[in-house]
Each structure stands twice: as C-alpha cells, then as structure tokens.
N, C-alpha and C. Protein backbone atom coordinates (compact mmCIF):
# COMPACT_ATOMS: atom_id res chain seq x y z
N MET A 1 0.84 -1.19 0.00
CA MET A 1 0.00 0.00 0.00
C MET A 1 0.88 1.25 0.00
N GLN A 2 0.52 2.23 -0.81
CA GLN A 2 1.28 3.46 -0.89
C GLN A 2 1.03 4.34 0.33
N SER A 3 2.07 5.06 0.72
CA SER A 3 1.91 6.03 1.81
C SER A 3 1.08 7.20 1.30
N ASP A 4 0.61 8.04 2.23
CA ASP A 4 -0.14 9.23 1.83
C ASP A 4 0.70 10.11 0.92
N GLU A 5 1.97 10.30 1.26
CA GLU A 5 2.83 11.13 0.42
C GLU A 5 2.95 10.57 -0.99
N GLU A 6 3.14 9.27 -1.10
CA GLU A 6 3.24 8.65 -2.43
C GLU A 6 1.94 8.83 -3.22
N GLN A 7 0.80 8.71 -2.55
CA GLN A 7 -0.48 8.90 -3.22
C GLN A 7 -0.62 10.33 -3.73
N ILE A 8 -0.23 11.31 -2.91
CA ILE A 8 -0.32 12.71 -3.30
C ILE A 8 0.62 13.00 -4.47
N ARG A 9 1.83 12.48 -4.41
CA ARG A 9 2.76 12.63 -5.54
C ARG A 9 2.16 12.00 -6.80
N GLY A 10 1.45 10.90 -6.63
CA GLY A 10 0.78 10.25 -7.75
C GLY A 10 -0.31 11.12 -8.36
N VAL A 11 -1.03 11.87 -7.52
CA VAL A 11 -2.05 12.80 -8.04
C VAL A 11 -1.38 13.84 -8.94
N VAL A 12 -0.26 14.38 -8.49
CA VAL A 12 0.46 15.39 -9.29
C VAL A 12 0.92 14.78 -10.61
N ALA A 13 1.50 13.59 -10.57
CA ALA A 13 1.98 12.94 -11.79
C ALA A 13 0.82 12.65 -12.75
N THR A 14 -0.30 12.18 -12.23
CA THR A 14 -1.47 11.89 -13.07
C THR A 14 -2.01 13.18 -13.67
N TRP A 15 -2.04 14.25 -12.87
CA TRP A 15 -2.52 15.55 -13.36
C TRP A 15 -1.68 16.01 -14.56
N LEU A 16 -0.37 15.94 -14.42
CA LEU A 16 0.51 16.40 -15.50
C LEU A 16 0.37 15.54 -16.75
N SER A 17 0.28 14.23 -16.59
CA SER A 17 0.14 13.37 -17.77
C SER A 17 -1.23 13.54 -18.41
N ALA A 18 -2.28 13.73 -17.61
CA ALA A 18 -3.61 13.95 -18.18
C ALA A 18 -3.67 15.30 -18.89
N THR A 19 -2.97 16.30 -18.37
CA THR A 19 -2.91 17.60 -19.03
C THR A 19 -2.23 17.46 -20.39
N ALA A 20 -1.14 16.73 -20.44
CA ALA A 20 -0.42 16.53 -21.71
C ALA A 20 -1.30 15.80 -22.73
N ALA A 21 -2.16 14.91 -22.23
CA ALA A 21 -3.03 14.13 -23.12
C ALA A 21 -4.33 14.85 -23.44
N GLY A 22 -4.58 15.99 -22.80
CA GLY A 22 -5.83 16.71 -23.02
C GLY A 22 -7.03 16.00 -22.40
N ASP A 23 -6.80 15.25 -21.34
CA ASP A 23 -7.83 14.44 -20.69
C ASP A 23 -8.49 15.22 -19.55
N ALA A 24 -9.45 16.06 -19.90
CA ALA A 24 -10.12 16.92 -18.93
C ALA A 24 -10.85 16.12 -17.85
N GLU A 25 -11.46 15.02 -18.22
CA GLU A 25 -12.24 14.25 -17.23
C GLU A 25 -11.35 13.65 -16.15
N THR A 26 -10.16 13.18 -16.53
CA THR A 26 -9.24 12.67 -15.51
C THR A 26 -8.80 13.79 -14.59
N ILE A 27 -8.49 14.95 -15.16
CA ILE A 27 -8.07 16.09 -14.32
C ILE A 27 -9.19 16.45 -13.35
N LEU A 28 -10.43 16.53 -13.82
CA LEU A 28 -11.55 16.87 -12.95
C LEU A 28 -11.75 15.85 -11.85
N SER A 29 -11.41 14.59 -12.12
CA SER A 29 -11.57 13.54 -11.10
C SER A 29 -10.53 13.66 -9.98
N LEU A 30 -9.53 14.51 -10.18
CA LEU A 30 -8.46 14.68 -9.19
C LEU A 30 -8.70 15.86 -8.26
N MET A 31 -9.86 16.52 -8.37
CA MET A 31 -10.12 17.70 -7.55
C MET A 31 -11.45 17.58 -6.82
N THR A 32 -11.53 18.29 -5.69
CA THR A 32 -12.77 18.31 -4.92
C THR A 32 -13.82 19.14 -5.65
N GLU A 33 -15.07 18.97 -5.25
CA GLU A 33 -16.16 19.75 -5.84
C GLU A 33 -16.01 21.24 -5.54
N ASP A 34 -15.38 21.58 -4.40
CA ASP A 34 -15.26 22.99 -3.99
C ASP A 34 -13.85 23.55 -4.22
N VAL A 35 -13.11 22.96 -5.14
CA VAL A 35 -11.73 23.38 -5.42
C VAL A 35 -11.68 24.87 -5.77
N VAL A 36 -10.58 25.52 -5.36
CA VAL A 36 -10.34 26.92 -5.68
C VAL A 36 -8.90 27.05 -6.17
N PHE A 37 -8.73 27.72 -7.33
CA PHE A 37 -7.41 27.99 -7.88
C PHE A 37 -7.13 29.48 -7.74
N LEU A 38 -5.99 29.82 -7.18
CA LEU A 38 -5.54 31.21 -7.06
C LEU A 38 -4.43 31.40 -8.07
N LEU A 39 -4.65 32.32 -9.02
CA LEU A 39 -3.75 32.52 -10.15
C LEU A 39 -3.30 33.97 -10.19
N PRO A 40 -2.09 34.24 -10.67
CA PRO A 40 -1.61 35.62 -10.75
C PRO A 40 -2.47 36.47 -11.68
N GLY A 41 -2.77 37.68 -11.25
CA GLY A 41 -3.42 38.64 -12.11
C GLY A 41 -4.90 38.45 -12.36
N ARG A 42 -5.56 37.62 -11.58
CA ARG A 42 -6.99 37.42 -11.76
C ARG A 42 -7.62 36.93 -10.46
N GLY A 43 -8.92 36.92 -10.42
CA GLY A 43 -9.63 36.43 -9.24
C GLY A 43 -9.60 34.92 -9.16
N PRO A 44 -10.10 34.37 -8.06
CA PRO A 44 -10.12 32.92 -7.88
C PRO A 44 -10.93 32.22 -8.99
N MET A 45 -10.46 31.04 -9.36
CA MET A 45 -11.17 30.21 -10.34
C MET A 45 -11.70 28.99 -9.60
N ARG A 46 -12.95 28.69 -9.82
CA ARG A 46 -13.58 27.53 -9.18
C ARG A 46 -13.74 26.40 -10.20
N ARG A 47 -14.18 25.27 -9.72
CA ARG A 47 -14.27 24.06 -10.53
C ARG A 47 -15.08 24.25 -11.82
N GLU A 48 -16.21 24.93 -11.73
CA GLU A 48 -17.08 25.09 -12.89
C GLU A 48 -16.34 25.82 -14.03
N GLU A 49 -15.61 26.89 -13.68
CA GLU A 49 -14.87 27.62 -14.71
C GLU A 49 -13.75 26.77 -15.27
N PHE A 50 -13.03 26.07 -14.39
CA PHE A 50 -11.95 25.18 -14.83
C PHE A 50 -12.51 24.15 -15.80
N ALA A 51 -13.63 23.50 -15.43
CA ALA A 51 -14.23 22.47 -16.27
C ALA A 51 -14.65 23.03 -17.62
N SER A 52 -15.24 24.21 -17.61
CA SER A 52 -15.68 24.84 -18.84
C SER A 52 -14.50 25.11 -19.77
N LEU A 53 -13.42 25.65 -19.23
CA LEU A 53 -12.23 25.93 -20.04
C LEU A 53 -11.60 24.63 -20.56
N ALA A 54 -11.52 23.63 -19.69
CA ALA A 54 -10.89 22.36 -20.09
C ALA A 54 -11.71 21.64 -21.16
N ARG A 55 -13.02 21.67 -21.01
CA ARG A 55 -13.88 20.97 -21.98
C ARG A 55 -14.01 21.74 -23.28
N ALA A 56 -13.84 23.05 -23.25
CA ALA A 56 -13.96 23.87 -24.46
C ALA A 56 -12.90 23.50 -25.48
N SER A 57 -11.76 23.03 -25.00
CA SER A 57 -10.68 22.67 -25.93
C SER A 57 -10.75 21.22 -26.38
N ALA A 58 -11.72 20.46 -25.88
CA ALA A 58 -11.87 19.06 -26.28
C ALA A 58 -12.16 18.99 -27.78
N GLY A 59 -11.46 18.11 -28.46
CA GLY A 59 -11.66 17.93 -29.89
C GLY A 59 -10.79 18.85 -30.74
N ALA A 60 -10.24 19.89 -30.13
CA ALA A 60 -9.36 20.80 -30.87
C ALA A 60 -7.96 20.19 -30.91
N ALA A 61 -7.14 20.72 -31.82
CA ALA A 61 -5.75 20.28 -31.86
C ALA A 61 -5.09 20.63 -30.54
N LEU A 62 -4.41 19.67 -29.95
CA LEU A 62 -3.79 19.88 -28.65
C LEU A 62 -2.41 20.50 -28.77
N PRO A 63 -2.08 21.38 -27.85
CA PRO A 63 -0.70 21.85 -27.82
C PRO A 63 0.20 20.74 -27.29
N LYS A 64 1.47 20.83 -27.62
CA LYS A 64 2.45 19.93 -27.02
C LYS A 64 2.73 20.48 -25.63
N PHE A 65 2.68 19.63 -24.64
CA PHE A 65 2.80 20.06 -23.25
C PHE A 65 3.91 19.25 -22.59
N GLU A 66 4.93 19.94 -22.13
CA GLU A 66 6.02 19.30 -21.40
C GLU A 66 6.11 19.96 -20.03
N SER A 67 6.37 19.17 -19.01
CA SER A 67 6.44 19.74 -17.66
C SER A 67 7.50 19.02 -16.82
N VAL A 68 8.02 19.79 -15.89
CA VAL A 68 8.93 19.24 -14.88
C VAL A 68 8.41 19.72 -13.54
N SER A 69 8.10 18.78 -12.68
CA SER A 69 7.60 19.08 -11.35
C SER A 69 8.66 18.70 -10.34
N ASP A 70 9.07 19.65 -9.52
CA ASP A 70 10.07 19.40 -8.49
C ASP A 70 9.40 19.65 -7.14
N ILE A 71 8.84 18.59 -6.57
CA ILE A 71 8.13 18.70 -5.30
C ILE A 71 9.15 18.86 -4.18
N HIS A 72 9.03 19.95 -3.44
CA HIS A 72 9.97 20.25 -2.36
C HIS A 72 9.52 19.71 -1.01
N GLU A 73 8.20 19.65 -0.81
CA GLU A 73 7.72 19.23 0.51
C GLU A 73 6.29 18.73 0.39
N VAL A 74 6.00 17.65 1.09
CA VAL A 74 4.63 17.16 1.26
C VAL A 74 4.45 16.94 2.75
N GLU A 75 3.42 17.54 3.30
CA GLU A 75 3.14 17.40 4.73
C GLU A 75 1.69 16.95 4.88
N VAL A 76 1.48 15.87 5.63
CA VAL A 76 0.15 15.29 5.82
C VAL A 76 -0.24 15.40 7.28
N SER A 77 -1.48 15.84 7.52
CA SER A 77 -2.03 15.89 8.87
C SER A 77 -3.48 15.43 8.80
N GLY A 78 -3.71 14.20 9.18
CA GLY A 78 -5.07 13.65 9.10
C GLY A 78 -5.53 13.55 7.67
N ASP A 79 -6.68 14.17 7.39
CA ASP A 79 -7.26 14.13 6.05
C ASP A 79 -6.94 15.37 5.22
N LEU A 80 -5.96 16.17 5.69
CA LEU A 80 -5.48 17.34 4.94
C LEU A 80 -3.99 17.20 4.70
N ALA A 81 -3.54 17.74 3.58
CA ALA A 81 -2.11 17.72 3.26
C ALA A 81 -1.79 18.95 2.42
N TYR A 82 -0.55 19.38 2.51
CA TYR A 82 -0.11 20.44 1.60
C TYR A 82 1.17 20.00 0.92
N LEU A 83 1.40 20.64 -0.23
CA LEU A 83 2.56 20.35 -1.05
C LEU A 83 3.01 21.66 -1.66
N TRP A 84 4.31 21.91 -1.66
CA TRP A 84 4.81 23.01 -2.47
C TRP A 84 5.82 22.47 -3.44
N ASN A 85 5.88 23.15 -4.57
CA ASN A 85 6.43 22.55 -5.76
C ASN A 85 6.99 23.65 -6.66
N ARG A 86 8.05 23.37 -7.36
CA ARG A 86 8.50 24.25 -8.45
C ARG A 86 8.10 23.56 -9.73
N LEU A 87 7.40 24.29 -10.57
CA LEU A 87 6.85 23.73 -11.78
C LEU A 87 7.40 24.49 -12.98
N ALA A 88 7.88 23.77 -13.97
CA ALA A 88 8.34 24.36 -15.23
C ALA A 88 7.51 23.75 -16.35
N LEU A 89 6.99 24.61 -17.21
CA LEU A 89 6.12 24.17 -18.30
C LEU A 89 6.64 24.70 -19.62
N ALA A 90 6.50 23.91 -20.66
CA ALA A 90 6.76 24.36 -22.03
C ALA A 90 5.54 23.93 -22.84
N ILE A 91 4.80 24.91 -23.34
CA ILE A 91 3.55 24.65 -24.06
C ILE A 91 3.73 25.17 -25.49
N THR A 92 3.67 24.25 -26.44
CA THR A 92 3.81 24.63 -27.84
C THR A 92 2.46 24.51 -28.52
N PRO A 93 1.82 25.65 -28.82
CA PRO A 93 0.52 25.60 -29.51
C PRO A 93 0.66 24.94 -30.87
N PRO A 94 -0.42 24.34 -31.38
CA PRO A 94 -0.38 23.73 -32.72
C PRO A 94 0.09 24.75 -33.75
N GLY A 95 1.05 24.36 -34.56
CA GLY A 95 1.56 25.21 -35.61
C GLY A 95 2.62 26.22 -35.18
N ALA A 96 2.90 26.30 -33.90
CA ALA A 96 3.90 27.26 -33.41
C ALA A 96 5.29 26.67 -33.52
N ASP A 97 6.27 27.56 -33.69
CA ASP A 97 7.66 27.13 -33.80
C ASP A 97 8.31 26.94 -32.43
N ARG A 98 7.91 27.78 -31.49
CA ARG A 98 8.57 27.79 -30.18
C ARG A 98 7.54 27.63 -29.08
N PRO A 99 7.96 27.03 -27.99
CA PRO A 99 7.02 26.88 -26.87
C PRO A 99 6.89 28.18 -26.08
N ILE A 100 5.79 28.28 -25.37
CA ILE A 100 5.61 29.30 -24.35
C ILE A 100 6.13 28.66 -23.07
N GLU A 101 7.10 29.29 -22.45
CA GLU A 101 7.69 28.70 -21.24
C GLU A 101 7.19 29.42 -20.01
N ARG A 102 6.81 28.64 -19.03
CA ARG A 102 6.33 29.17 -17.76
C ARG A 102 7.03 28.43 -16.63
N SER A 103 7.25 29.16 -15.55
CA SER A 103 7.92 28.54 -14.41
C SER A 103 7.54 29.28 -13.14
N GLY A 104 7.57 28.56 -12.04
CA GLY A 104 7.28 29.18 -10.75
C GLY A 104 6.87 28.13 -9.72
N TYR A 105 6.42 28.63 -8.59
CA TYR A 105 6.05 27.78 -7.48
C TYR A 105 4.54 27.63 -7.38
N THR A 106 4.14 26.52 -6.80
CA THR A 106 2.73 26.30 -6.46
C THR A 106 2.65 25.85 -5.01
N LEU A 107 1.55 26.15 -4.39
CA LEU A 107 1.24 25.65 -3.06
C LEU A 107 -0.13 25.01 -3.17
N SER A 108 -0.19 23.72 -2.92
CA SER A 108 -1.43 22.98 -3.12
C SER A 108 -1.87 22.33 -1.82
N ILE A 109 -3.18 22.37 -1.59
CA ILE A 109 -3.78 21.72 -0.42
C ILE A 109 -4.65 20.59 -0.93
N PHE A 110 -4.46 19.43 -0.34
CA PHE A 110 -5.21 18.24 -0.70
C PHE A 110 -6.10 17.83 0.46
N ARG A 111 -7.23 17.22 0.12
CA ARG A 111 -8.14 16.69 1.14
C ARG A 111 -8.46 15.24 0.77
N ARG A 112 -8.44 14.39 1.80
CA ARG A 112 -8.80 12.98 1.57
C ARG A 112 -10.32 12.88 1.59
N VAL A 113 -10.88 12.42 0.47
CA VAL A 113 -12.33 12.27 0.33
C VAL A 113 -12.60 10.82 -0.04
N ASN A 114 -13.34 10.12 0.82
CA ASN A 114 -13.64 8.71 0.59
C ASN A 114 -12.37 7.90 0.30
N GLY A 115 -11.31 8.19 1.06
CA GLY A 115 -10.07 7.44 0.95
C GLY A 115 -9.15 7.87 -0.17
N LYS A 116 -9.54 8.88 -0.96
CA LYS A 116 -8.76 9.31 -2.12
C LYS A 116 -8.30 10.75 -1.92
N TRP A 117 -7.02 11.02 -2.18
CA TRP A 117 -6.49 12.38 -2.07
C TRP A 117 -6.89 13.18 -3.30
N LEU A 118 -7.50 14.36 -3.06
CA LEU A 118 -7.95 15.24 -4.13
C LEU A 118 -7.45 16.65 -3.89
N LEU A 119 -7.17 17.37 -4.96
CA LEU A 119 -6.76 18.76 -4.87
C LEU A 119 -7.94 19.60 -4.40
N SER A 120 -7.72 20.40 -3.36
CA SER A 120 -8.77 21.23 -2.79
C SER A 120 -8.53 22.73 -3.01
N ARG A 121 -7.28 23.16 -2.87
CA ARG A 121 -6.89 24.55 -3.08
C ARG A 121 -5.53 24.57 -3.77
N ASP A 122 -5.34 25.54 -4.66
CA ASP A 122 -4.08 25.61 -5.38
C ASP A 122 -3.72 27.07 -5.61
N ALA A 123 -2.59 27.48 -5.07
CA ALA A 123 -2.06 28.83 -5.32
C ALA A 123 -0.90 28.67 -6.30
N ASN A 124 -1.09 29.21 -7.47
CA ASN A 124 -0.18 28.99 -8.59
C ASN A 124 0.55 30.29 -8.91
N LEU A 125 1.86 30.29 -8.74
CA LEU A 125 2.67 31.46 -9.03
C LEU A 125 3.50 31.28 -10.30
N VAL A 126 3.06 30.38 -11.15
CA VAL A 126 3.75 30.11 -12.42
C VAL A 126 3.50 31.28 -13.37
N THR A 127 4.57 31.83 -13.92
CA THR A 127 4.45 32.97 -14.84
C THR A 127 5.23 32.69 -16.13
N THR A 128 4.88 33.41 -17.17
CA THR A 128 5.52 33.26 -18.47
C THR A 128 6.95 33.79 -18.44
N LEU A 129 7.88 33.02 -18.96
CA LEU A 129 9.28 33.42 -19.01
C LEU A 129 9.58 34.24 -20.25
N ARG A 130 8.97 33.90 -21.36
CA ARG A 130 9.16 34.66 -22.60
C ARG A 130 7.97 34.53 -23.48
C-alpha cells in the first residue's frame, strides 16, 4: 500500500500526464467539488470555470505540453495535506515554432475524500518566461 505522500505525488503525476493528453475528465476527477485555484493577475477560479475551459478545448488540436515538477515538501495531517512545488512548463501551440515557457512555485492543499487524495486549493505562481 502506498503512503499518503506517495499517493499525493501520484495525483500530481497523473494531473501532469492527463494535461499533456488533453484528458479533462481525468483532471476533474483529481479535484474536490469545492476546489479553488488562485492565479496571478486574476480572481479565484472555481471548478465550474476550470471544467468549462478544459472541456472547451476538447476535440481541438492539442498543444504539445512538457512539464517538470520538483516537489519540495509534502506534509500530511489527518485528512489534509499540503505540497509546495516548483513547476516548469513548455507549451507549444499547434503550428507554433517555439514553446511558451512558464515557471514558478505552487502551493497545493489536498483533502482525503472517501479514501482518495484530491486537490482542494491551489495557489499557482507560475508565470511566463518569454
């Protein structure tokens, strides 16, 4: 059986691979119903908006998505856990010559729901490099 930390790291890995594959339903299955995303330069984003944006791109040509996640810390206390991470992304839109590169830190809070770790809150400080 995997430890809580291993399970949470698995959620991050699944999220990144599902993002690369354009698999919105898998990504949505990794978050709580009341999830909140805090992003630079805008107000909080909730699950409904995330789902709408993710599903809007379904069927369209997918960008090439490469990521490196460097998890610095995972701390578990009961049914809550937090993780902070340095994330580097390279997103190449269809037909583009060069990727859009983004990098920065995230702070994520997970909640165990029915025995499964799910993303509950995410503060994302990832910004465009060029």
